[in-house]
Structures are given as structure tokens and as C-alpha cells.
Amino acid sequence: MYNYLDFEKPVADLEGKIIELKKLAESGEAVDVADEIARLEKRSRDALRDVYRALTPWQKVQVARHPDRPHCLDYIKGLFTDFTPLAGDRAFGEDQALVGGFARFNGEPVAVLGQEKGSDTASRLKHNFGSVRPEGYRKAVRIMELADRFAIPLVMLVDTAGAFPGVEAEERGQAEAIARSTSASLGLKVPSVAMIIGEGGSGGAIAIAAANRVYMLEHAIYSVISPEGAASILWRDPTRSKDAATNMKITAQDLLEFRIIDGIVAEPLGGAHRSPEAVILATGETIDKAFKELAASNVDYREQRREKYLAMGRNI
């Protein structure tokens, strides 16, 4: 059974009936129900298609936050081989909200960075729900510098509601750590590709997303602040998060139109959580294509990145 979102109730009702009929058929309490099951399955697919064809920005926020959505470690397991994680910032300690290390992608060496939210209570606490502390961003800088030194391309998987806002994080220089990570991303001499796989929240996301190519999954979001936070600031009413999500233009489709991102990776019908293997495969194909295009372009990667970000907001 899936964890259904509020707006998926018509689909949940139909799929619930399908499960009941299948159980009855397996127990022998019902016969000749194959046609009815097939009819309900078609209705369910049609309902799911209708719902996801007309998602509002707030509904996309809910999909991007779905607890069953594949996370950073799922992508690392599905796309990379020989992954060797690195730990610690060589200054304070280890931050498990940010996963990073070196691996092989299609047989070639790459550096990998990403925020990991966790998939159950224990792993979510371990990874701090993907909210990175200063030592996590300093670890990211360490990995970026190693990648630059050994001419290894960088893949960055973004999925965070934002950097950790706790007092201890501020005491250890959270703002500076984010700024230095962003600066290191922009200054890389090697090609870099960022993929926003769920939430891309504020400076906590941009710190590892300032890449040569930035892509988003179809139902991911990318914003300077959460819709709830924006609603609290703009209207002093967090219940107006739906209005904030619409006005902030945080969807992949809006951001592609504004040239903030370079492309969108299609998700399976019903979102990435319904078919993780398919979306991970599609993500890998997009990353591979991006690296091949960057290699063929024969450009200075730092200069290309500089021009890309300076052009944002102009001639729209």
C-alpha cells in the first residue's frame, strides 16, 4: 500500500477496492472478478493521470516531500559503483545529513555529494532530516577541493528543506559554511551536474547546487524559503502556504521557464515514489548526457558557470 496524499483520495478508494477484490479472489470467497479488477485498474490509472496532470504548486510541494520518495542514498546505490564515503570536516566532526565521497559512474570516477533525509524514524534522526550543519558543508568543500585536485567531475543530489537553523549551528558558523560551499561550487575547474530530487530549500540547497548544469525532477521544488515560512513572513499566517507556493514559482516548470534550471526529468505516473527504479534510471541518463555535452563543449567550466549565474534574471 502507498502512503496516499490528501488529493489522491479518489485513487486511494479505487486501489483499496482492487486490493479487497484480489484478497477475496485469493481466498476463494469470490470468483470471476478478473474483469471487475481490470475495469477498476483502468479507472485507477485514469484517475491518477487526471490528478497528476493538474497538480497545483502546493500539491507538488506535498509530492516532493512524500516519505516514500527515493532519497540520496537510493540514487547512490542505483547509479554508482565502488562508492567510498568520506566523513568529517577535519575541524569539528561528522555530519550525516550530508553524504559525500567518490565512486564510479558508468565506469568513470566521480565525486558525489547529497543531502540524505532518511526513510524511517531511526534514519531520519540519524541524518537530521536532511538539514545540514556547518560541518556538513565544510565536508562538502573538502570533497570539492579533492575532486578539483584530481580532475574528477562532481555530481550533486539536492534534497533538503534547508540548512539546520539551530543555535549550535549558528555558533559554529552556519552562514559562513554555506557561503564557502557555494563559492567552492562556483569555482570548480571540473564539470559539475546538480539534480534536485525532492526539495531544494534556500541556501542549504544552493550550497551544493551551483553547478554547470542543474536539473529537477518533474515534481521537485526549488525555493528561497519554504511556502510555510513565506506565508508567515508575508501574511503572518502560515495557513496561507498554498498561496505562497503559487506566488513563489517554485515548481520545475516555472523555474525552467525562468531559466533557473537547465531541464526537467520526467517522473513516473503518480510520482517518483511509485516507481523509484524508473526515476533513478532516468536521472542517471540525464546526468550521463549532461557530462557528455559538457565534455564536448570544450569550455572553461568556471567561466561557463559564471556566465550562467550572472545571466539569471536578465532578458526574461
C-alpha atoms as a PDB file:
ATOM      1  CA  MET A   1       0.000   0.000   0.000  1.00  0.00           C
ATOM      2  CA  TYR A   2       1.131   3.529  -0.786  1.00  0.00           C
ATOM      3  CA  ASN A   3       1.076   6.454   1.609  1.00  0.00           C
ATOM      4  CA  TYR A   4      -1.636   8.459  -0.124  1.00  0.00           C
ATOM      5  CA  LEU A   5      -1.631  12.237  -0.138  1.00  0.00           C
ATOM      6  CA  ASP A   6      -4.846  14.135   0.611  1.00  0.00           C
ATOM      7  CA  PHE A   7      -5.577  14.935  -3.025  1.00  0.00           C
ATOM      8  CA  GLU A   8      -5.103  11.280  -4.035  1.00  0.00           C
ATOM      9  CA  LYS A   9      -8.263  10.117  -2.236  1.00  0.00           C
ATOM     10  CA  PRO A  10     -10.132   9.116  -5.457  1.00  0.00           C
ATOM     11  CA  VAL A  11      -7.183   6.923  -6.425  1.00  0.00           C
ATOM     12  CA  ALA A  12      -6.874   5.528  -2.890  1.00  0.00           C
ATOM     13  CA  ASP A  13     -10.550   4.483  -2.872  1.00  0.00           C
ATOM     14  CA  LEU A  14     -10.230   2.672  -6.203  1.00  0.00           C
ATOM     15  CA  GLU A  15      -6.966   0.939  -5.312  1.00  0.00           C
ATOM     16  CA  GLY A  16      -8.466  -0.086  -1.961  1.00  0.00           C
ATOM     17  CA  LYS A  17     -11.324  -1.809  -3.774  1.00  0.00           C
ATOM     18  CA  ILE A  18      -8.857  -3.556  -6.093  1.00  0.00           C
ATOM     19  CA  ILE A  19      -6.901  -4.915  -3.125  1.00  0.00           C
ATOM     20  CA  GLU A  20     -10.099  -6.143  -1.461  1.00  0.00           C
ATOM     21  CA  LEU A  21     -11.211  -7.967  -4.608  1.00  0.00           C
ATOM     22  CA  LYS A  22      -7.804  -9.590  -5.057  1.00  0.00           C
ATOM     23  CA  LYS A  23      -7.852 -10.825  -1.465  1.00  0.00           C
ATOM     24  CA  LEU A  24     -11.335 -12.244  -1.916  1.00  0.00           C
ATOM     25  CA  ALA A  25     -10.254 -13.997  -5.111  1.00  0.00           C
ATOM     26  CA  GLU A  26      -7.154 -15.471  -3.421  1.00  0.00           C
ATOM     27  CA  SER A  27      -9.214 -16.794  -0.507  1.00  0.00           C
ATOM     28  CA  GLY A  28     -11.829 -18.307  -2.824  1.00  0.00           C
ATOM     29  CA  GLU A  29     -14.631 -16.118  -1.465  1.00  0.00           C
ATOM     30  CA  ALA A  30     -15.167 -14.513  -4.864  1.00  0.00           C
ATOM     31  CA  VAL A  31     -14.971 -15.893  -8.379  1.00  0.00           C
ATOM     32  CA  ASP A  32     -14.981 -14.324 -11.830  1.00  0.00           C
ATOM     33  CA  VAL A  33     -13.752 -10.968 -10.563  1.00  0.00           C
ATOM     34  CA  ALA A  34     -10.907 -10.599 -13.075  1.00  0.00           C
ATOM     35  CA  ASP A  35     -12.967  -8.364 -15.356  1.00  0.00           C
ATOM     36  CA  GLU A  36     -14.035  -6.148 -12.472  1.00  0.00           C
ATOM     37  CA  ILE A  37     -10.426  -5.863 -11.267  1.00  0.00           C
ATOM     38  CA  ALA A  38      -9.248  -4.912 -14.755  1.00  0.00           C
ATOM     39  CA  ARG A  39     -12.019  -2.302 -15.003  1.00  0.00           C
ATOM     40  CA  LEU A  40     -11.089  -0.801 -11.638  1.00  0.00           C
ATOM     41  CA  GLU A  41      -7.388  -0.799 -12.512  1.00  0.00           C
ATOM     42  CA  LYS A  42      -8.118   1.187 -15.668  1.00  0.00           C
ATOM     43  CA  ARG A  43     -10.258   3.637 -13.697  1.00  0.00           C
ATOM     44  CA  SER A  44      -7.478   3.962 -11.136  1.00  0.00           C
ATOM     45  CA  ARG A  45      -4.844   4.719 -13.797  1.00  0.00           C
ATOM     46  CA  ASP A  46      -7.136   7.258 -15.431  1.00  0.00           C
ATOM     47  CA  ALA A  47      -7.876   8.924 -12.082  1.00  0.00           C
ATOM     48  CA  LEU A  48      -4.182   9.044 -11.209  1.00  0.00           C
ATOM     49  CA  ARG A  49      -3.376  10.556 -14.611  1.00  0.00           C
ATOM     50  CA  ASP A  50      -6.106  13.186 -14.202  1.00  0.00           C
ATOM     51  CA  VAL A  51      -4.882  14.128 -10.707  1.00  0.00           C
ATOM     52  CA  TYR A  52      -1.201  14.435 -11.667  1.00  0.00           C
ATOM     53  CA  ARG A  53      -1.949  16.248 -14.911  1.00  0.00           C
ATOM     54  CA  ALA A  54      -3.381  19.173 -12.946  1.00  0.00           C
ATOM     55  CA  LEU A  55      -1.247  19.380  -9.804  1.00  0.00           C
ATOM     56  CA  THR A  56      -1.173  22.759  -8.108  1.00  0.00           C
ATOM     57  CA  PRO A  57       2.138  24.138  -6.792  1.00  0.00           C
ATOM     58  CA  TRP A  58       1.123  23.230  -3.229  1.00  0.00           C
ATOM     59  CA  GLN A  59       0.317  19.678  -4.296  1.00  0.00           C
ATOM     60  CA  LYS A  60       3.761  19.468  -5.918  1.00  0.00           C
ATOM     61  CA  VAL A  61       5.238  20.513  -2.576  1.00  0.00           C
ATOM     62  CA  GLN A  62       3.461  17.555  -0.985  1.00  0.00           C
ATOM     63  CA  VAL A  63       4.729  15.168  -3.659  1.00  0.00           C
ATOM     64  CA  ALA A  64       8.298  16.484  -3.283  1.00  0.00           C
ATOM     65  CA  ARG A  65       8.062  15.768   0.458  1.00  0.00           C
ATOM     66  CA  HIS A  66       6.460  12.330   0.107  1.00  0.00           C
ATOM     67  CA  PRO A  67       8.015  10.000   2.719  1.00  0.00           C
ATOM     68  CA  ASP A  68       8.414   7.162   0.214  1.00  0.00           C
ATOM     69  CA  ARG A  69      10.184   9.260  -2.384  1.00  0.00           C
ATOM     70  CA  PRO A  70      13.686   7.902  -3.207  1.00  0.00           C
ATOM     71  CA  HIS A  71      16.431   9.809  -1.427  1.00  0.00           C
ATOM     72  CA  CYS A  72      20.120  10.472  -1.952  1.00  0.00           C
ATOM     73  CA  LEU A  73      21.354   7.053  -0.784  1.00  0.00           C
ATOM     74  CA  ASP A  74      18.864   5.339  -3.097  1.00  0.00           C
ATOM     75  CA  TYR A  75      20.336   7.217  -6.051  1.00  0.00           C
ATOM     76  CA  ILE A  76      23.882   6.461  -4.958  1.00  0.00           C
ATOM     77  CA  LYS A  77      23.056   2.761  -4.660  1.00  0.00           C
ATOM     78  CA  GLY A  78      21.237   2.699  -8.014  1.00  0.00           C
ATOM     79  CA  LEU A  79      23.612   4.807 -10.133  1.00  0.00           C
ATOM     80  CA  PHE A  80      27.132   4.459  -8.760  1.00  0.00           C
ATOM     81  CA  THR A  81      29.564   1.650  -8.096  1.00  0.00           C
ATOM     82  CA  ASP A  82      32.529   1.466  -5.730  1.00  0.00           C
ATOM     83  CA  PHE A  83      31.137   4.304  -3.631  1.00  0.00           C
ATOM     84  CA  THR A  84      33.614   5.255  -0.914  1.00  0.00           C
ATOM     85  CA  PRO A  85      32.161   7.764   1.570  1.00  0.00           C
ATOM     86  CA  LEU A  86      34.283  10.362   3.316  1.00  0.00           C
ATOM     87  CA  ALA A  87      33.481  11.559   6.831  1.00  0.00           C
ATOM     88  CA  GLY A  88      34.229  14.684   8.823  1.00  0.00           C
ATOM     89  CA  ASP A  89      35.252  18.246   8.072  1.00  0.00           C
ATOM     90  CA  ARG A  90      38.694  17.986   9.734  1.00  0.00           C
ATOM     91  CA  ALA A  91      37.633  20.788  12.085  1.00  0.00           C
ATOM     92  CA  PHE A  92      34.659  19.809  14.276  1.00  0.00           C
ATOM     93  CA  GLY A  93      33.098  16.472  13.388  1.00  0.00           C
ATOM     94  CA  GLU A  94      30.937  14.407  11.067  1.00  0.00           C
ATOM     95  CA  ASP A  95      27.514  15.460   9.770  1.00  0.00           C
ATOM     96  CA  GLN A  96      25.481  12.570   8.426  1.00  0.00           C
ATOM     97  CA  ALA A  97      22.882  14.858   6.855  1.00  0.00           C
ATOM     98  CA  LEU A  98      25.357  15.372   4.007  1.00  0.00           C
ATOM     99  CA  VAL A  99      26.606  12.235   2.276  1.00  0.00           C
ATOM    100  CA  GLY A 100      29.725  12.560   0.148  1.00  0.00           C
ATOM    101  CA  GLY A 101      32.535  10.576  -1.334  1.00  0.00           C
ATOM    102  CA  PHE A 102      33.971   9.128  -4.514  1.00  0.00           C
ATOM    103  CA  ALA A 103      32.544   6.489  -6.817  1.00  0.00           C
ATOM    104  CA  ARG A 104      32.339   5.320 -10.397  1.00  0.00           C
ATOM    105  CA  PHE A 105      29.583   6.379 -12.763  1.00  0.00           C
ATOM    106  CA  ASN A 106      29.391   4.301 -15.934  1.00  0.00           C
ATOM    107  CA  GLY A 107      32.900   3.149 -15.118  1.00  0.00           C
ATOM    108  CA  GLU A 108      34.349   6.663 -14.777  1.00  0.00           C
ATOM    109  CA  PRO A 109      35.439   8.252 -11.471  1.00  0.00           C
ATOM    110  CA  VAL A 110      33.149  10.924  -9.995  1.00  0.00           C
ATOM    111  CA  ALA A 111      32.717  12.750  -6.717  1.00  0.00           C
ATOM    112  CA  VAL A 112      29.211  12.588  -5.220  1.00  0.00           C
ATOM    113  CA  LEU A 113      27.522  14.935  -2.747  1.00  0.00           C
ATOM    114  CA  GLY A 114      23.965  14.923  -1.486  1.00  0.00           C
ATOM    115  CA  GLN A 115      21.619  15.552   1.405  1.00  0.00           C
ATOM    116  CA  GLU A 116      20.036  12.423   2.870  1.00  0.00           C
ATOM    117  CA  LYS A 117      16.677  12.758   4.625  1.00  0.00           C
ATOM    118  CA  GLY A 118      16.290   9.158   5.787  1.00  0.00           C
ATOM    119  CA  SER A 119      13.478   6.708   5.111  1.00  0.00           C
ATOM    120  CA  ASP A 120      12.279   5.729   8.604  1.00  0.00           C
ATOM    121  CA  THR A 121      12.329   7.225  12.082  1.00  0.00           C
ATOM    122  CA  ALA A 122      15.789   5.946  13.003  1.00  0.00           C
ATOM    123  CA  SER A 123      17.457   7.027   9.744  1.00  0.00           C
ATOM    124  CA  ARG A 124      15.681  10.385   9.721  1.00  0.00           C
ATOM    125  CA  LEU A 125      17.040  11.165  13.163  1.00  0.00           C
ATOM    126  CA  LYS A 126      20.486   9.913  12.141  1.00  0.00           C
ATOM    127  CA  HIS A 127      20.547  12.153   9.074  1.00  0.00           C
ATOM    128  CA  ASN A 128      18.770  15.073  10.800  1.00  0.00           C
ATOM    129  CA  PHE A 129      16.000  15.008   8.175  1.00  0.00           C
ATOM    130  CA  GLY A 130      18.474  16.247   5.549  1.00  0.00           C
ATOM    131  CA  SER A 131      19.157  19.543   7.353  1.00  0.00           C
ATOM    132  CA  VAL A 132      22.912  20.063   7.118  1.00  0.00           C
ATOM    133  CA  ARG A 133      25.050  21.615   9.860  1.00  0.00           C
ATOM    134  CA  PRO A 134      28.201  23.710   9.221  1.00  0.00           C
ATOM    135  CA  GLU A 135      30.487  20.694   9.425  1.00  0.00           C
ATOM    136  CA  GLY A 136      28.463  19.077   6.638  1.00  0.00           C
ATOM    137  CA  TYR A 137      29.080  21.993   4.287  1.00  0.00           C
ATOM    138  CA  ARG A 138      32.760  22.045   5.261  1.00  0.00           C
ATOM    139  CA  LYS A 139      32.902  18.357   4.401  1.00  0.00           C
ATOM    140  CA  ALA A 140      31.356  19.246   1.041  1.00  0.00           C
ATOM    141  CA  VAL A 141      34.091  21.841   0.445  1.00  0.00           C
ATOM    142  CA  ARG A 142      36.710  19.249   1.350  1.00  0.00           C
ATOM    143  CA  ILE A 143      35.311  16.818  -1.236  1.00  0.00           C
ATOM    144  CA  MET A 144      35.027  19.548  -3.877  1.00  0.00           C
ATOM    145  CA  GLU A 145      38.662  20.505  -3.347  1.00  0.00           C
ATOM    146  CA  LEU A 146      39.751  16.884  -3.683  1.00  0.00           C
ATOM    147  CA  ALA A 147      37.705  16.489  -6.859  1.00  0.00           C
ATOM    148  CA  ASP A 148      39.301  19.628  -8.287  1.00  0.00           C
ATOM    149  CA  ARG A 149      42.798  18.493  -7.340  1.00  0.00           C
ATOM    150  CA  PHE A 150      42.399  15.146  -9.097  1.00  0.00           C
ATOM    151  CA  ALA A 151      40.261  16.415 -12.033  1.00  0.00           C
ATOM    152  CA  ILE A 152      37.203  14.362 -11.100  1.00  0.00           C
ATOM    153  CA  PRO A 153      33.698  15.530 -12.192  1.00  0.00           C
ATOM    154  CA  LEU A 154      31.144  16.216  -9.490  1.00  0.00           C
ATOM    155  CA  VAL A 155      27.528  15.029  -9.104  1.00  0.00           C
ATOM    156  CA  MET A 156      25.343  16.779  -6.522  1.00  0.00           C
ATOM    157  CA  LEU A 157      21.981  15.396  -5.347  1.00  0.00           C
ATOM    158  CA  VAL A 158      19.914  18.080  -3.641  1.00  0.00           C
ATOM    159  CA  ASP A 159      17.128  17.204  -1.218  1.00  0.00           C
ATOM    160  CA  THR A 160      16.740  19.412   1.837  1.00  0.00           C
ATOM    161  CA  ALA A 161      14.144  21.666   3.389  1.00  0.00           C
ATOM    162  CA  GLY A 162      17.050  23.939   4.306  1.00  0.00           C
ATOM    163  CA  ALA A 163      20.211  24.129   6.372  1.00  0.00           C
ATOM    164  CA  PHE A 164      19.864  23.343  10.081  1.00  0.00           C
ATOM    165  CA  PRO A 165      18.778  26.558  11.895  1.00  0.00           C
ATOM    166  CA  GLY A 166      19.751  25.578  15.445  1.00  0.00           C
ATOM    167  CA  VAL A 167      21.685  27.834  17.804  1.00  0.00           C
ATOM    168  CA  GLU A 168      24.674  25.475  17.853  1.00  0.00           C
ATOM    169  CA  ALA A 169      24.852  25.592  14.044  1.00  0.00           C
ATOM    170  CA  GLU A 170      24.910  29.385  14.117  1.00  0.00           C
ATOM    171  CA  GLU A 171      27.614  29.293  16.796  1.00  0.00           C
ATOM    172  CA  ARG A 172      29.769  27.114  14.547  1.00  0.00           C
ATOM    173  CA  GLY A 173      29.414  29.453  11.554  1.00  0.00           C
ATOM    174  CA  GLN A 174      26.483  28.150   9.516  1.00  0.00           C
ATOM    175  CA  ALA A 175      26.234  31.194   7.223  1.00  0.00           C
ATOM    176  CA  GLU A 176      29.960  31.201   6.517  1.00  0.00           C
ATOM    177  CA  ALA A 177      29.985  27.455   5.834  1.00  0.00           C
ATOM    178  CA  ILE A 178      27.127  27.807   3.324  1.00  0.00           C
ATOM    179  CA  ALA A 179      28.855  30.745   1.632  1.00  0.00           C
ATOM    180  CA  ARG A 180      32.166  28.896   1.361  1.00  0.00           C
ATOM    181  CA  SER A 181      30.465  25.801  -0.051  1.00  0.00           C
ATOM    182  CA  THR A 182      28.634  27.912  -2.634  1.00  0.00           C
ATOM    183  CA  SER A 183      31.890  29.646  -3.545  1.00  0.00           C
ATOM    184  CA  ALA A 184      33.681  26.313  -3.872  1.00  0.00           C
ATOM    185  CA  SER A 185      30.883  25.028  -6.155  1.00  0.00           C
ATOM    186  CA  LEU A 186      31.210  28.052  -8.408  1.00  0.00           C
ATOM    187  CA  GLY A 187      34.998  27.869  -8.506  1.00  0.00           C
ATOM    188  CA  LEU A 188      35.383  24.246  -9.568  1.00  0.00           C
ATOM    189  CA  LYS A 189      37.655  23.694 -12.565  1.00  0.00           C
ATOM    190  CA  VAL A 190      35.914  20.365 -13.255  1.00  0.00           C
ATOM    191  CA  PRO A 191      32.402  19.887 -14.694  1.00  0.00           C
ATOM    192  CA  SER A 192      29.545  19.605 -12.217  1.00  0.00           C
ATOM    193  CA  VAL A 193      25.930  18.483 -12.504  1.00  0.00           C
ATOM    194  CA  ALA A 194      23.293  19.079  -9.815  1.00  0.00           C
ATOM    195  CA  MET A 195      19.996  17.227  -9.609  1.00  0.00           C
ATOM    196  CA  ILE A 196      17.183  18.438  -7.344  1.00  0.00           C
ATOM    197  CA  ILE A 197      15.478  15.177  -6.442  1.00  0.00           C
ATOM    198  CA  GLY A 198      12.998  16.436  -3.845  1.00  0.00           C
ATOM    199  CA  GLU A 199      13.170  19.733  -2.005  1.00  0.00           C
ATOM    200  CA  GLY A 200      15.708  22.396  -2.865  1.00  0.00           C
ATOM    201  CA  GLY A 201      15.376  24.666   0.122  1.00  0.00           C
ATOM    202  CA  SER A 202      17.140  28.020   0.412  1.00  0.00           C
ATOM    203  CA  GLY A 203      20.900  28.444   0.895  1.00  0.00           C
ATOM    204  CA  GLY A 204      21.054  24.925   2.270  1.00  0.00           C
ATOM    205  CA  ALA A 205      20.372  23.698  -1.254  1.00  0.00           C
ATOM    206  CA  ILE A 206      22.308  26.243  -3.326  1.00  0.00           C
ATOM    207  CA  ALA A 207      25.452  25.435  -1.311  1.00  0.00           C
ATOM    208  CA  ILE A 208      25.781  22.215  -3.325  1.00  0.00           C
ATOM    209  CA  ALA A 209      23.694  23.163  -6.358  1.00  0.00           C
ATOM    210  CA  ALA A 210      25.757  25.897  -8.044  1.00  0.00           C
ATOM    211  CA  ALA A 211      26.678  23.602 -10.924  1.00  0.00           C
ATOM    212  CA  ASN A 212      27.305  23.832 -14.675  1.00  0.00           C
ATOM    213  CA  ARG A 213      24.031  22.032 -15.246  1.00  0.00           C
ATOM    214  CA  VAL A 214      21.094  21.995 -12.842  1.00  0.00           C
ATOM    215  CA  TYR A 215      18.141  19.685 -13.367  1.00  0.00           C
ATOM    216  CA  MET A 216      14.973  18.997 -11.418  1.00  0.00           C
ATOM    217  CA  LEU A 217      12.683  16.033 -11.178  1.00  0.00           C
ATOM    218  CA  GLU A 218       9.234  16.797 -12.528  1.00  0.00           C
ATOM    219  CA  HIS A 219       7.580  17.160  -9.122  1.00  0.00           C
ATOM    220  CA  ALA A 220      10.548  18.566  -7.170  1.00  0.00           C
ATOM    221  CA  ILE A 221      10.579  22.117  -5.806  1.00  0.00           C
ATOM    222  CA  TYR A 222      13.331  24.755  -5.529  1.00  0.00           C
ATOM    223  CA  SER A 223      12.819  27.895  -3.443  1.00  0.00           C
ATOM    224  CA  VAL A 224      14.475  30.570  -1.303  1.00  0.00           C
ATOM    225  CA  ILE A 225      12.222  29.671   1.639  1.00  0.00           C
ATOM    226  CA  SER A 226       9.518  27.120   2.395  1.00  0.00           C
ATOM    227  CA  PRO A 227       5.934  28.074   1.482  1.00  0.00           C
ATOM    228  CA  GLU A 228       5.051  27.963   5.184  1.00  0.00           C
ATOM    229  CA  GLY A 229       7.906  30.318   6.026  1.00  0.00           C
ATOM    230  CA  ALA A 230       6.990  32.697   3.226  1.00  0.00           C
ATOM    231  CA  ALA A 231       3.363  32.770   4.335  1.00  0.00           C
ATOM    232  CA  SER A 232       4.422  33.547   7.903  1.00  0.00           C
ATOM    233  CA  ILE A 233       6.538  36.482   6.714  1.00  0.00           C
ATOM    234  CA  LEU A 234       4.273  37.898   4.007  1.00  0.00           C
ATOM    235  CA  TRP A 235       0.858  37.463   5.622  1.00  0.00           C
ATOM    236  CA  ARG A 236       1.761  36.452   9.203  1.00  0.00           C
ATOM    237  CA  ASP A 237      -0.392  33.413   8.547  1.00  0.00           C
ATOM    238  CA  PRO A 238       1.286  30.029   7.901  1.00  0.00           C
ATOM    239  CA  THR A 239      -2.057  28.571   6.796  1.00  0.00           C
ATOM    240  CA  ARG A 240      -1.673  30.552   3.565  1.00  0.00           C
ATOM    241  CA  SER A 241       1.163  28.303   2.434  1.00  0.00           C
ATOM    242  CA  LYS A 242      -0.882  27.297  -0.616  1.00  0.00           C
ATOM    243  CA  ASP A 243      -0.968  30.922  -1.768  1.00  0.00           C
ATOM    244  CA  ALA A 244       2.752  31.279  -1.089  1.00  0.00           C
ATOM    245  CA  ALA A 245       3.589  28.145  -3.084  1.00  0.00           C
ATOM    246  CA  THR A 246       1.687  29.517  -6.074  1.00  0.00           C
ATOM    247  CA  ASN A 247       3.169  33.018  -5.927  1.00  0.00           C
ATOM    248  CA  MET A 248       6.762  31.921  -5.297  1.00  0.00           C
ATOM    249  CA  LYS A 249       7.058  29.991  -8.610  1.00  0.00           C
ATOM    250  CA  ILE A 250       8.876  27.037  -7.067  1.00  0.00           C
ATOM    251  CA  THR A 251       7.970  24.241  -9.468  1.00  0.00           C
ATOM    252  CA  ALA A 252      10.305  22.733 -12.038  1.00  0.00           C
ATOM    253  CA  GLN A 253       8.100  24.025 -14.842  1.00  0.00           C
ATOM    254  CA  ASP A 254       8.222  27.623 -13.563  1.00  0.00           C
ATOM    255  CA  LEU A 255      11.974  27.510 -12.969  1.00  0.00           C
ATOM    256  CA  LEU A 256      12.697  26.108 -16.416  1.00  0.00           C
ATOM    257  CA  GLU A 257      10.693  28.966 -17.916  1.00  0.00           C
ATOM    258  CA  PHE A 258      12.762  31.450 -15.868  1.00  0.00           C
ATOM    259  CA  ARG A 259      15.992  29.695 -16.972  1.00  0.00           C
ATOM    260  CA  ILE A 260      16.985  28.944 -13.397  1.00  0.00           C
ATOM    261  CA  ILE A 261      17.368  25.265 -14.259  1.00  0.00           C
ATOM    262  CA  ASP A 262      18.507  23.528 -17.429  1.00  0.00           C
ATOM    263  CA  GLY A 263      15.971  20.740 -17.736  1.00  0.00           C
ATOM    264  CA  ILE A 264      13.323  18.534 -16.160  1.00  0.00           C
ATOM    265  CA  VAL A 265      13.483  14.781 -15.593  1.00  0.00           C
ATOM    266  CA  ALA A 266      10.060  13.199 -16.054  1.00  0.00           C
ATOM    267  CA  GLU A 267       8.698  11.177 -13.156  1.00  0.00           C
ATOM    268  CA  PRO A 268       6.588   8.025 -13.437  1.00  0.00           C
ATOM    269  CA  LEU A 269       2.830   8.470 -13.303  1.00  0.00           C
ATOM    270  CA  GLY A 270       1.944   9.171  -9.688  1.00  0.00           C
ATOM    271  CA  GLY A 271       5.368  10.489  -8.694  1.00  0.00           C
ATOM    272  CA  ALA A 272       8.847   9.101  -8.093  1.00  0.00           C
ATOM    273  CA  HIS A 273       7.691   7.159  -5.027  1.00  0.00           C
ATOM    274  CA  ARG A 274       5.526   4.868  -7.175  1.00  0.00           C
ATOM    275  CA  SER A 275       8.433   3.668  -9.306  1.00  0.00           C
ATOM    276  CA  PRO A 276      11.800   4.554  -7.733  1.00  0.00           C
ATOM    277  CA  GLU A 277      13.825   2.348 -10.084  1.00  0.00           C
ATOM    278  CA  ALA A 278      12.438   4.087 -13.170  1.00  0.00           C
ATOM    279  CA  VAL A 279      13.127   7.604 -11.912  1.00  0.00           C
ATOM    280  CA  ILE A 280      16.639   6.688 -10.730  1.00  0.00           C
ATOM    281  CA  LEU A 281      17.389   5.258 -14.180  1.00  0.00           C
ATOM    282  CA  ALA A 282      16.049   8.405 -15.896  1.00  0.00           C
ATOM    283  CA  THR A 283      18.133  10.572 -13.571  1.00  0.00           C
ATOM    284  CA  GLY A 284      21.259   8.616 -14.445  1.00  0.00           C
ATOM    285  CA  GLU A 285      20.602   9.025 -18.153  1.00  0.00           C
ATOM    286  CA  THR A 286      20.230  12.793 -17.738  1.00  0.00           C
ATOM    287  CA  ILE A 287      23.461  13.067 -15.733  1.00  0.00           C
ATOM    288  CA  ASP A 288      25.339  10.987 -18.308  1.00  0.00           C
ATOM    289  CA  LYS A 289      24.034  13.113 -21.177  1.00  0.00           C
ATOM    290  CA  ALA A 290      24.964  16.332 -19.341  1.00  0.00           C
ATOM    291  CA  PHE A 291      28.554  15.240 -18.729  1.00  0.00           C
ATOM    292  CA  LYS A 292      28.957  14.194 -22.363  1.00  0.00           C
ATOM    293  CA  GLU A 293      27.635  17.556 -23.579  1.00  0.00           C
ATOM    294  CA  LEU A 294      29.913  19.450 -21.198  1.00  0.00           C
ATOM    295  CA  ALA A 295      32.943  17.430 -22.293  1.00  0.00           C
ATOM    296  CA  ALA A 296      32.124  18.048 -25.963  1.00  0.00           C
ATOM    297  CA  SER A 297      31.623  21.804 -25.422  1.00  0.00           C
ATOM    298  CA  ASN A 298      35.326  22.338 -24.657  1.00  0.00           C
ATOM    299  CA  VAL A 299      34.626  25.338 -22.406  1.00  0.00           C
ATOM    300  CA  ASP A 300      36.198  26.726 -19.275  1.00  0.00           C
ATOM    301  CA  TYR A 301      33.823  25.277 -16.684  1.00  0.00           C
ATOM    302  CA  ARG A 302      34.331  28.130 -14.215  1.00  0.00           C
ATOM    303  CA  GLU A 303      33.621  30.743 -16.874  1.00  0.00           C
ATOM    304  CA  GLN A 304      30.568  28.837 -18.121  1.00  0.00           C
ATOM    305  CA  ARG A 305      29.248  28.702 -14.560  1.00  0.00           C
ATOM    306  CA  ARG A 306      29.957  32.406 -14.071  1.00  0.00           C
ATOM    307  CA  GLU A 307      28.070  33.383 -17.210  1.00  0.00           C
ATOM    308  CA  LYS A 308      25.197  31.057 -16.332  1.00  0.00           C
ATOM    309  CA  TYR A 309      24.549  32.603 -12.931  1.00  0.00           C
ATOM    310  CA  LEU A 310      25.163  36.210 -13.952  1.00  0.00           C
ATOM    311  CA  ALA A 311      22.577  35.789 -16.730  1.00  0.00           C
ATOM    312  CA  MET A 312      19.805  34.745 -14.326  1.00  0.00           C
ATOM    313  CA  GLY A 313      17.053  37.315 -14.100  1.00  0.00           C
ATOM    314  CA  ARG A 314      18.030  39.068 -17.319  1.00  0.00           C
ATOM    315  CA  ASN A 315      16.050  39.114 -20.567  1.00  0.00           C
ATOM    316  CA  ILE A 316      13.137  37.121 -19.196  1.00  0.00           C
END
